[in-house]
Amino acid sequence: MSVMPQEEHIRKMLKMSDKDYFALDALSNSDFRLLKESVLHYENKHLFKLSSPSIELGSAVHKLVLEPETFDDDFIVEDFEGCELNKNSKAYKEAKANWLEMAKDKTILSKQVYEQVAEMAERVNAIAGNFLSNGVAERAFISDFDGVPVKCKADYYREDLGVVIDLKTTKSIKDFKKSILEYGYGTQSAFYTDVISSLGYRVDTFLFILIETTAPYMVSIQEMSYEGIEEGRAIYSELLQTWRDYKENNIVNVVKTTNYPEWFLEKRRGA
C-alpha cells in the first residue's frame, strides 16, 4: 500500500455530522463488511443497513461519553408531562403527540434505557476518563490509498500521545476476541491507524475501551497488538484489491464455494 506523499495533500481532520460523513464517496472500515461478501453487496449497501436496539444503545453511550454537550441535540428521553397517564387515554395520546412534535428527528430513549446509558457513561469516565481528555472526539479523516479514496471517523484521538481510541459496547469483555474477527475490529484498528498516519498525524497505539451492556457495566481498556494490526492490514489490503479489480477490470466474484461442515467430513473420512 502506498499513500500520497505528504507534500501533495493537506492534513484532513474534519468535524462533520454523521450524515455528511456517510455521504462522502470513500471506503470506510464498515464497508469491508460488505466487500467480504462481494462488490455487489457494497454497491447495494443501502439494502444492508444495520439497525438494532444494541446499535441505538451504543450510539447513545458514545454521545454521552464523547460529546455530552450535544447529547440533547440527537437524543430525547421519553419523560414528558403526562407520560404517567393511562396509555389508552385521550389525554395521554394528546400529550405524547405534542411531545413527539417537539422531539422531531431525535432518537427517542425510554427513561429506563437513558438511565442505563447514564450509568454506562459514568463507568467509562471513571476508568478511562484520563484517556478521553486533551484530544478531539468524533473527527473524520480523509485520505487516499493507491487511488482509492478512504475515510475513517475516530471516536477519540490524542495527537499528543499518538493514541486512537474506539469505544465499544459489548455483551462480554471476555469474549471480545471473537468480536475482533466477527465484526471487523481487527481491520478497523489497522485501517484507522493507516488512514490517520497517512495524513501526517502521529499514531502509536490503538485502544479499545470496552463497556459491557449489563450491570455492573464492567469496563476494560485493551490495546491492539502489533500482530493484530499487521493481520488487520493484510485483510483490508486484500479487500481494497478486490475493489480495485472491480473498478478497473469489472471483476465480480459473487459466487462462493461451500461444502459440508468439517466435522461431518472428518467423520466420513474416518468411517
C-alpha atoms as a PDB file:
ATOM      1  CA  MET A   1       0.000   0.000   0.000  1.00  0.00           C
ATOM      2  CA  SER A   2       1.175   3.490  -0.743  1.00  0.00           C
ATOM      3  CA  VAL A   3      -0.311   6.847   0.107  1.00  0.00           C
ATOM      4  CA  MET A   4       0.055  10.283  -1.386  1.00  0.00           C
ATOM      5  CA  PRO A   5       3.323  11.977  -0.393  1.00  0.00           C
ATOM      6  CA  GLN A   6       2.675  14.447   2.408  1.00  0.00           C
ATOM      7  CA  GLU A   7       3.524  17.484   0.278  1.00  0.00           C
ATOM      8  CA  GLU A   8       0.831  16.572  -2.250  1.00  0.00           C
ATOM      9  CA  HIS A   9      -2.105  16.904   0.086  1.00  0.00           C
ATOM     10  CA  ILE A  10      -3.122  18.662   3.247  1.00  0.00           C
ATOM     11  CA  ARG A  11      -3.869  17.047   6.577  1.00  0.00           C
ATOM     12  CA  LYS A  12      -7.591  16.421   6.552  1.00  0.00           C
ATOM     13  CA  MET A  13      -9.073  16.008  10.026  1.00  0.00           C
ATOM     14  CA  LEU A  14     -12.612  17.311   9.907  1.00  0.00           C
ATOM     15  CA  LYS A  15     -15.511  17.783  12.269  1.00  0.00           C
ATOM     16  CA  MET A  16     -18.651  16.753  10.421  1.00  0.00           C
ATOM     17  CA  SER A  17     -22.054  15.209  11.049  1.00  0.00           C
ATOM     18  CA  ASP A  18     -22.622  11.501  10.547  1.00  0.00           C
ATOM     19  CA  LYS A  19     -24.892  12.360   7.629  1.00  0.00           C
ATOM     20  CA  ASP A  20     -22.159  14.298   5.854  1.00  0.00           C
ATOM     21  CA  TYR A  21     -19.548  11.681   6.710  1.00  0.00           C
ATOM     22  CA  PHE A  22     -21.618   8.806   5.342  1.00  0.00           C
ATOM     23  CA  ALA A  23     -22.238  10.813   2.170  1.00  0.00           C
ATOM     24  CA  LEU A  24     -18.500  11.009   1.408  1.00  0.00           C
ATOM     25  CA  ASP A  25     -17.612   8.888  -1.593  1.00  0.00           C
ATOM     26  CA  ALA A  26     -14.804   6.919   0.046  1.00  0.00           C
ATOM     27  CA  LEU A  27     -14.304   3.453   1.509  1.00  0.00           C
ATOM     28  CA  SER A  28     -14.601   3.048   5.264  1.00  0.00           C
ATOM     29  CA  ASN A  29     -13.905   0.130   7.560  1.00  0.00           C
ATOM     30  CA  SER A  30     -17.617  -0.613   7.862  1.00  0.00           C
ATOM     31  CA  ASP A  31     -17.712  -1.070   4.079  1.00  0.00           C
ATOM     32  CA  PHE A  32     -15.349  -4.037   4.380  1.00  0.00           C
ATOM     33  CA  ARG A  33     -18.182  -5.997   5.996  1.00  0.00           C
ATOM     34  CA  LEU A  34     -19.979  -5.984   2.650  1.00  0.00           C
ATOM     35  CA  LEU A  35     -16.886  -6.217   0.451  1.00  0.00           C
ATOM     36  CA  LYS A  36     -16.131  -9.513   2.180  1.00  0.00           C
ATOM     37  CA  GLU A  37     -19.367 -10.790   0.647  1.00  0.00           C
ATOM     38  CA  SER A  38     -18.886  -9.226  -2.781  1.00  0.00           C
ATOM     39  CA  VAL A  39     -18.519  -5.886  -4.524  1.00  0.00           C
ATOM     40  CA  LEU A  40     -22.207  -6.102  -5.438  1.00  0.00           C
ATOM     41  CA  HIS A  41     -23.115  -6.186  -1.764  1.00  0.00           C
ATOM     42  CA  TYR A  42     -21.112  -2.995  -1.285  1.00  0.00           C
ATOM     43  CA  GLU A  43     -22.597  -1.327  -4.373  1.00  0.00           C
ATOM     44  CA  ASN A  44     -26.043  -2.008  -2.885  1.00  0.00           C
ATOM     45  CA  LYS A  45     -25.129  -1.189   0.703  1.00  0.00           C
ATOM     46  CA  HIS A  46     -28.310   0.845   1.185  1.00  0.00           C
ATOM     47  CA  LEU A  47     -30.111  -2.521   1.202  1.00  0.00           C
ATOM     48  CA  PHE A  48     -27.975  -3.935   4.024  1.00  0.00           C
ATOM     49  CA  LYS A  49     -28.000  -1.242   6.685  1.00  0.00           C
ATOM     50  CA  LEU A  50     -27.555  -2.471  10.237  1.00  0.00           C
ATOM     51  CA  SER A  51     -30.161  -1.457  12.784  1.00  0.00           C
ATOM     52  CA  SER A  52     -30.928  -2.862  16.228  1.00  0.00           C
ATOM     53  CA  PRO A  53     -31.606  -1.771  19.826  1.00  0.00           C
ATOM     54  CA  SER A  54     -27.981  -2.608  20.699  1.00  0.00           C
ATOM     55  CA  ILE A  55     -26.717  -0.236  17.986  1.00  0.00           C
ATOM     56  CA  GLU A  56     -29.021   2.504  19.289  1.00  0.00           C
ATOM     57  CA  LEU A  57     -27.747   1.898  22.829  1.00  0.00           C
ATOM     58  CA  GLY A  58     -24.140   2.075  21.646  1.00  0.00           C
ATOM     59  CA  SER A  59     -24.790   5.343  19.818  1.00  0.00           C
ATOM     60  CA  ALA A  60     -26.315   6.905  22.925  1.00  0.00           C
ATOM     61  CA  VAL A  61     -23.389   5.803  25.104  1.00  0.00           C
ATOM     62  CA  HIS A  62     -20.920   7.180  22.556  1.00  0.00           C
ATOM     63  CA  LYS A  63     -22.687  10.522  22.525  1.00  0.00           C
ATOM     64  CA  LEU A  64     -22.963  10.878  26.292  1.00  0.00           C
ATOM     65  CA  VAL A  65     -19.320   9.904  26.851  1.00  0.00           C
ATOM     66  CA  LEU A  66     -17.649  11.671  23.934  1.00  0.00           C
ATOM     67  CA  GLU A  67     -19.908  14.658  23.227  1.00  0.00           C
ATOM     68  CA  PRO A  68     -22.141  15.161  26.272  1.00  0.00           C
ATOM     69  CA  GLU A  69     -22.648  18.833  25.466  1.00  0.00           C
ATOM     70  CA  THR A  70     -24.622  17.939  22.328  1.00  0.00           C
ATOM     71  CA  PHE A  71     -26.404  14.826  23.620  1.00  0.00           C
ATOM     72  CA  ASP A  72     -29.755  16.628  23.713  1.00  0.00           C
ATOM     73  CA  ASP A  73     -29.375  17.612  20.062  1.00  0.00           C
ATOM     74  CA  ASP A  74     -29.644  13.976  18.963  1.00  0.00           C
ATOM     75  CA  PHE A  75     -31.470  12.158  21.758  1.00  0.00           C
ATOM     76  CA  ILE A  76     -34.556  12.793  23.828  1.00  0.00           C
ATOM     77  CA  VAL A  77     -35.831  10.890  26.847  1.00  0.00           C
ATOM     78  CA  GLU A  78     -39.452   9.756  26.895  1.00  0.00           C
ATOM     79  CA  ASP A  79     -40.258  11.550  30.122  1.00  0.00           C
ATOM     80  CA  PHE A  80     -42.822  14.140  29.087  1.00  0.00           C
ATOM     81  CA  GLU A  81     -45.574  15.668  31.193  1.00  0.00           C
ATOM     82  CA  GLY A  82     -48.452  13.208  31.088  1.00  0.00           C
ATOM     83  CA  CYS A  83     -46.385  10.118  30.295  1.00  0.00           C
ATOM     84  CA  GLU A  84     -47.604   8.544  33.542  1.00  0.00           C
ATOM     85  CA  LEU A  85     -51.230   8.604  32.332  1.00  0.00           C
ATOM     86  CA  ASN A  86     -53.085   5.569  31.012  1.00  0.00           C
ATOM     87  CA  LYS A  87     -51.613   4.922  27.588  1.00  0.00           C
ATOM     88  CA  ASN A  88     -55.077   4.262  26.154  1.00  0.00           C
ATOM     89  CA  SER A  89     -56.451   7.572  27.371  1.00  0.00           C
ATOM     90  CA  LYS A  90     -57.091  10.555  25.144  1.00  0.00           C
ATOM     91  CA  ALA A  91     -55.068  12.804  27.443  1.00  0.00           C
ATOM     92  CA  TYR A  92     -52.005  10.559  27.150  1.00  0.00           C
ATOM     93  CA  LYS A  93     -52.260  10.334  23.381  1.00  0.00           C
ATOM     94  CA  GLU A  94     -52.569  14.116  23.046  1.00  0.00           C
ATOM     95  CA  ALA A  95     -49.638  14.700  25.419  1.00  0.00           C
ATOM     96  CA  LYS A  96     -47.468  12.232  23.533  1.00  0.00           C
ATOM     97  CA  ALA A  97     -48.430  13.704  20.160  1.00  0.00           C
ATOM     98  CA  ASN A  98     -47.356  17.162  21.339  1.00  0.00           C
ATOM     99  CA  TRP A  99     -44.125  15.753  22.730  1.00  0.00           C
ATOM    100  CA  LEU A 100     -43.345  13.865  19.526  1.00  0.00           C
ATOM    101  CA  GLU A 101     -43.767  17.093  17.602  1.00  0.00           C
ATOM    102  CA  MET A 102     -41.105  18.621  19.818  1.00  0.00           C
ATOM    103  CA  ALA A 103     -38.855  15.553  19.500  1.00  0.00           C
ATOM    104  CA  LYS A 104     -38.829  15.804  15.682  1.00  0.00           C
ATOM    105  CA  ASP A 105     -35.886  13.817  14.275  1.00  0.00           C
ATOM    106  CA  LYS A 106     -34.259  12.992  17.598  1.00  0.00           C
ATOM    107  CA  THR A 107     -33.737   9.393  18.706  1.00  0.00           C
ATOM    108  CA  ILE A 108     -36.206   8.572  21.468  1.00  0.00           C
ATOM    109  CA  LEU A 109     -34.902   6.775  24.550  1.00  0.00           C
ATOM    110  CA  SER A 110     -37.115   5.320  27.240  1.00  0.00           C
ATOM    111  CA  LYS A 111     -36.380   6.539  30.756  1.00  0.00           C
ATOM    112  CA  GLN A 112     -35.076   3.075  31.612  1.00  0.00           C
ATOM    113  CA  VAL A 113     -32.671   2.985  28.660  1.00  0.00           C
ATOM    114  CA  TYR A 114     -31.434   6.508  29.396  1.00  0.00           C
ATOM    115  CA  GLU A 115     -30.690   5.537  32.994  1.00  0.00           C
ATOM    116  CA  GLN A 116     -28.706   2.567  31.667  1.00  0.00           C
ATOM    117  CA  VAL A 117     -26.802   4.826  29.255  1.00  0.00           C
ATOM    118  CA  ALA A 118     -26.006   7.279  32.051  1.00  0.00           C
ATOM    119  CA  GLU A 119     -24.694   4.505  34.300  1.00  0.00           C
ATOM    120  CA  MET A 120     -22.541   3.101  31.496  1.00  0.00           C
ATOM    121  CA  ALA A 121     -21.121   6.552  30.725  1.00  0.00           C
ATOM    122  CA  GLU A 122     -20.310   7.049  34.399  1.00  0.00           C
ATOM    123  CA  ARG A 123     -18.273   3.804  34.442  1.00  0.00           C
ATOM    124  CA  VAL A 124     -16.392   4.680  31.261  1.00  0.00           C
ATOM    125  CA  ASN A 125     -15.455   8.126  32.561  1.00  0.00           C
ATOM    126  CA  ALA A 126     -14.361   6.713  35.909  1.00  0.00           C
ATOM    127  CA  ILE A 127     -11.967   4.169  34.357  1.00  0.00           C
ATOM    128  CA  ALA A 128     -10.967   5.712  31.034  1.00  0.00           C
ATOM    129  CA  GLY A 129     -11.546   9.419  31.599  1.00  0.00           C
ATOM    130  CA  ASN A 130      -7.822  10.222  31.597  1.00  0.00           C
ATOM    131  CA  PHE A 131      -7.540   8.886  28.049  1.00  0.00           C
ATOM    132  CA  LEU A 132     -10.606  10.826  26.925  1.00  0.00           C
ATOM    133  CA  SER A 133      -9.192  14.286  27.591  1.00  0.00           C
ATOM    134  CA  ASN A 134      -6.772  16.676  25.865  1.00  0.00           C
ATOM    135  CA  GLY A 135      -7.842  15.297  22.496  1.00  0.00           C
ATOM    136  CA  VAL A 136     -10.670  15.524  19.964  1.00  0.00           C
ATOM    137  CA  ALA A 137     -13.836  13.449  19.631  1.00  0.00           C
ATOM    138  CA  GLU A 138     -15.615  12.228  16.516  1.00  0.00           C
ATOM    139  CA  ARG A 139     -13.203  13.530  13.890  1.00  0.00           C
ATOM    140  CA  ALA A 140     -13.280  12.350  10.285  1.00  0.00           C
ATOM    141  CA  PHE A 141     -10.018  11.645   8.459  1.00  0.00           C
ATOM    142  CA  ILE A 142      -9.961  11.529   4.646  1.00  0.00           C
ATOM    143  CA  SER A 143      -7.086  10.139   2.587  1.00  0.00           C
ATOM    144  CA  ASP A 144      -6.222   8.076  -0.492  1.00  0.00           C
ATOM    145  CA  PHE A 145      -4.688   4.598  -0.803  1.00  0.00           C
ATOM    146  CA  ASP A 146      -3.268   3.929  -4.272  1.00  0.00           C
ATOM    147  CA  GLY A 147      -6.031   5.890  -5.955  1.00  0.00           C
ATOM    148  CA  VAL A 148      -8.823   4.608  -3.697  1.00  0.00           C
ATOM    149  CA  PRO A 149     -10.457   7.346  -1.575  1.00  0.00           C
ATOM    150  CA  VAL A 150     -10.643   6.199   2.051  1.00  0.00           C
ATOM    151  CA  LYS A 151     -12.101   7.614   5.249  1.00  0.00           C
ATOM    152  CA  CYS A 152     -12.481   6.867   8.932  1.00  0.00           C
ATOM    153  CA  LYS A 153     -14.138   8.574  11.869  1.00  0.00           C
ATOM    154  CA  ALA A 154     -12.264   8.157  15.128  1.00  0.00           C
ATOM    155  CA  ASP A 155     -14.241   8.148  18.356  1.00  0.00           C
ATOM    156  CA  TYR A 156     -11.353   9.926  20.075  1.00  0.00           C
ATOM    157  CA  TYR A 157      -7.853  10.979  19.025  1.00  0.00           C
ATOM    158  CA  ARG A 158      -4.961  12.083  21.225  1.00  0.00           C
ATOM    159  CA  GLU A 159      -2.316  13.542  18.941  1.00  0.00           C
ATOM    160  CA  ASP A 160      -0.094  14.329  21.941  1.00  0.00           C
ATOM    161  CA  LEU A 161       0.096  10.609  22.767  1.00  0.00           C
ATOM    162  CA  GLY A 162      -0.392   9.229  19.270  1.00  0.00           C
ATOM    163  CA  VAL A 163      -3.440   7.316  20.507  1.00  0.00           C
ATOM    164  CA  VAL A 164      -6.575   6.447  18.540  1.00  0.00           C
ATOM    165  CA  ILE A 165      -9.451   5.303  20.753  1.00  0.00           C
ATOM    166  CA  ASP A 166     -12.588   3.386  19.880  1.00  0.00           C
ATOM    167  CA  LEU A 167     -15.418   2.963  22.378  1.00  0.00           C
ATOM    168  CA  LYS A 168     -17.240  -0.355  22.088  1.00  0.00           C
ATOM    169  CA  THR A 169     -20.312  -1.668  23.850  1.00  0.00           C
ATOM    170  CA  THR A 170     -20.162  -5.431  24.237  1.00  0.00           C
ATOM    171  CA  LYS A 171     -22.127  -8.256  25.807  1.00  0.00           C
ATOM    172  CA  SER A 172     -18.992  -9.793  27.265  1.00  0.00           C
ATOM    173  CA  ILE A 173     -15.477  -8.441  27.619  1.00  0.00           C
ATOM    174  CA  LYS A 174     -14.040 -11.943  27.966  1.00  0.00           C
ATOM    175  CA  ASP A 175     -15.466 -12.859  24.542  1.00  0.00           C
ATOM    176  CA  PHE A 176     -14.188  -9.704  22.831  1.00  0.00           C
ATOM    177  CA  LYS A 177     -11.514 -11.569  20.863  1.00  0.00           C
ATOM    178  CA  LYS A 178     -14.305 -13.307  18.957  1.00  0.00           C
ATOM    179  CA  SER A 179     -15.740  -9.901  18.059  1.00  0.00           C
ATOM    180  CA  ILE A 180     -12.389  -8.745  16.672  1.00  0.00           C
ATOM    181  CA  LEU A 181     -12.808 -11.155  13.784  1.00  0.00           C
ATOM    182  CA  GLU A 182     -16.593 -11.312  13.588  1.00  0.00           C
ATOM    183  CA  TYR A 183     -17.189  -7.551  13.478  1.00  0.00           C
ATOM    184  CA  GLY A 184     -14.020  -6.410  11.717  1.00  0.00           C
ATOM    185  CA  TYR A 185     -12.405  -4.744  14.714  1.00  0.00           C
ATOM    186  CA  GLY A 186      -9.016  -6.075  13.625  1.00  0.00           C
ATOM    187  CA  THR A 187      -9.233  -4.397  10.234  1.00  0.00           C
ATOM    188  CA  GLN A 188     -10.589  -1.284  11.932  1.00  0.00           C
ATOM    189  CA  SER A 189      -7.528  -0.853  14.153  1.00  0.00           C
ATOM    190  CA  ALA A 190      -5.171  -1.241  11.181  1.00  0.00           C
ATOM    191  CA  PHE A 191      -7.258   0.832   8.767  1.00  0.00           C
ATOM    192  CA  TYR A 192      -7.721   3.747  11.166  1.00  0.00           C
ATOM    193  CA  THR A 193      -4.013   3.654  12.037  1.00  0.00           C
ATOM    194  CA  ASP A 194      -3.027   3.785   8.367  1.00  0.00           C
ATOM    195  CA  VAL A 195      -5.572   6.399   7.265  1.00  0.00           C
ATOM    196  CA  ILE A 196      -4.694   8.779  10.087  1.00  0.00           C
ATOM    197  CA  SER A 197      -0.923   8.307   9.856  1.00  0.00           C
ATOM    198  CA  SER A 198      -1.064   8.735   6.055  1.00  0.00           C
ATOM    199  CA  LEU A 199      -2.116  12.324   6.684  1.00  0.00           C
ATOM    200  CA  GLY A 200       0.938  13.016   8.806  1.00  0.00           C
ATOM    201  CA  TYR A 201      -0.696  12.557  12.194  1.00  0.00           C
ATOM    202  CA  ARG A 202       1.054  10.578  14.906  1.00  0.00           C
ATOM    203  CA  VAL A 203      -0.396   7.130  15.636  1.00  0.00           C
ATOM    204  CA  ASP A 204       1.495   4.859  18.022  1.00  0.00           C
ATOM    205  CA  THR A 205      -1.335   2.975  19.691  1.00  0.00           C
ATOM    206  CA  PHE A 206      -4.909   1.872  19.008  1.00  0.00           C
ATOM    207  CA  LEU A 207      -7.039   1.377  22.116  1.00  0.00           C
ATOM    208  CA  PHE A 208     -10.446  -0.206  22.561  1.00  0.00           C
ATOM    209  CA  ILE A 209     -12.442   0.998  25.544  1.00  0.00           C
ATOM    210  CA  LEU A 210     -14.941  -1.763  26.224  1.00  0.00           C
ATOM    211  CA  ILE A 211     -18.106  -1.365  28.288  1.00  0.00           C
ATOM    212  CA  GLU A 212     -20.441  -4.276  28.978  1.00  0.00           C
ATOM    213  CA  THR A 213     -24.147  -3.727  28.361  1.00  0.00           C
ATOM    214  CA  THR A 214     -25.321  -5.486  31.519  1.00  0.00           C
ATOM    215  CA  ALA A 215     -24.847  -4.394  35.124  1.00  0.00           C
ATOM    216  CA  PRO A 216     -22.446  -3.717  36.729  1.00  0.00           C
ATOM    217  CA  TYR A 217     -21.278  -2.448  33.298  1.00  0.00           C
ATOM    218  CA  MET A 218     -17.672  -3.578  33.565  1.00  0.00           C
ATOM    219  CA  VAL A 219     -15.066  -1.518  31.699  1.00  0.00           C
ATOM    220  CA  SER A 220     -11.800  -2.682  30.139  1.00  0.00           C
ATOM    221  CA  ILE A 221      -9.122  -0.824  28.159  1.00  0.00           C
ATOM    222  CA  GLN A 222      -7.378  -3.030  25.599  1.00  0.00           C
ATOM    223  CA  GLU A 223      -4.558  -2.194  23.205  1.00  0.00           C
ATOM    224  CA  MET A 224      -4.477  -3.891  19.812  1.00  0.00           C
ATOM    225  CA  SER A 225      -1.224  -5.811  19.467  1.00  0.00           C
ATOM    226  CA  TYR A 226       1.327  -5.253  16.714  1.00  0.00           C
ATOM    227  CA  GLU A 227       0.455  -8.689  15.346  1.00  0.00           C
ATOM    228  CA  GLY A 228      -3.235  -7.770  15.358  1.00  0.00           C
ATOM    229  CA  ILE A 229      -2.554  -4.557  13.438  1.00  0.00           C
ATOM    230  CA  GLU A 230      -0.494  -6.426  10.854  1.00  0.00           C
ATOM    231  CA  GLU A 231      -3.161  -9.098  10.375  1.00  0.00           C
ATOM    232  CA  GLY A 232      -5.879  -6.460  10.061  1.00  0.00           C
ATOM    233  CA  ARG A 233      -3.774  -4.617   7.492  1.00  0.00           C
ATOM    234  CA  ALA A 234      -3.347  -7.791   5.416  1.00  0.00           C
ATOM    235  CA  ILE A 235      -7.100  -8.439   5.466  1.00  0.00           C
ATOM    236  CA  TYR A 236      -8.194  -4.934   4.489  1.00  0.00           C
ATOM    237  CA  SER A 237      -5.469  -4.727   1.802  1.00  0.00           C
ATOM    238  CA  GLU A 238      -6.965  -7.805   0.133  1.00  0.00           C
ATOM    239  CA  LEU A 239     -10.388  -6.183   0.211  1.00  0.00           C
ATOM    240  CA  LEU A 240      -9.046  -2.964  -1.280  1.00  0.00           C
ATOM    241  CA  GLN A 241      -7.573  -5.020  -4.117  1.00  0.00           C
ATOM    242  CA  THR A 242     -10.956  -6.669  -4.631  1.00  0.00           C
ATOM    243  CA  TRP A 243     -12.414  -3.192  -5.038  1.00  0.00           C
ATOM    244  CA  ARG A 244      -9.690  -2.132  -7.478  1.00  0.00           C
ATOM    245  CA  ASP A 245     -10.195  -5.286  -9.553  1.00  0.00           C
ATOM    246  CA  TYR A 246     -13.851  -4.422  -9.824  1.00  0.00           C
ATOM    247  CA  LYS A 247     -13.384  -0.739 -10.661  1.00  0.00           C
ATOM    248  CA  GLU A 248     -10.517  -1.260 -13.119  1.00  0.00           C
ATOM    249  CA  ASN A 249     -11.377  -4.621 -14.707  1.00  0.00           C
ATOM    250  CA  ASN A 250     -15.034  -5.205 -13.778  1.00  0.00           C
ATOM    251  CA  ILE A 251     -14.152  -8.394 -11.882  1.00  0.00           C
ATOM    252  CA  VAL A 252     -17.114  -9.514  -9.783  1.00  0.00           C
ATOM    253  CA  ASN A 253     -16.650 -12.580  -7.587  1.00  0.00           C
ATOM    254  CA  VAL A 254     -20.064 -13.070  -6.083  1.00  0.00           C
ATOM    255  CA  VAL A 255     -20.132 -16.898  -6.073  1.00  0.00           C
ATOM    256  CA  LYS A 256     -18.546 -18.675  -3.117  1.00  0.00           C
ATOM    257  CA  THR A 257     -17.671 -22.340  -2.664  1.00  0.00           C
ATOM    258  CA  THR A 258     -19.488 -24.223   0.065  1.00  0.00           C
ATOM    259  CA  ASN A 259     -19.359 -27.737   1.489  1.00  0.00           C
ATOM    260  CA  TYR A 260     -20.498 -29.944   4.323  1.00  0.00           C
ATOM    261  CA  PRO A 261     -19.336 -28.936   7.831  1.00  0.00           C
ATOM    262  CA  GLU A 262     -15.745 -30.006   8.577  1.00  0.00           C
ATOM    263  CA  TRP A 263     -16.840 -32.216  11.496  1.00  0.00           C
ATOM    264  CA  PHE A 264     -19.099 -34.161   9.128  1.00  0.00           C
ATOM    265  CA  LEU A 265     -16.348 -34.581   6.524  1.00  0.00           C
ATOM    266  CA  GLU A 266     -13.890 -35.767   9.176  1.00  0.00           C
ATOM    267  CA  LYS A 267     -16.448 -38.279  10.378  1.00  0.00           C
ATOM    268  CA  ARG A 268     -16.952 -39.558   6.815  1.00  0.00           C
ATOM    269  CA  ARG A 269     -13.227 -39.798   6.221  1.00  0.00           C
ATOM    270  CA  GLY A 270     -12.796 -41.821   9.378  1.00  0.00           C
ATOM    271  CA  ALA A 271     -15.678 -44.145   8.557  1.00  0.00           C
END
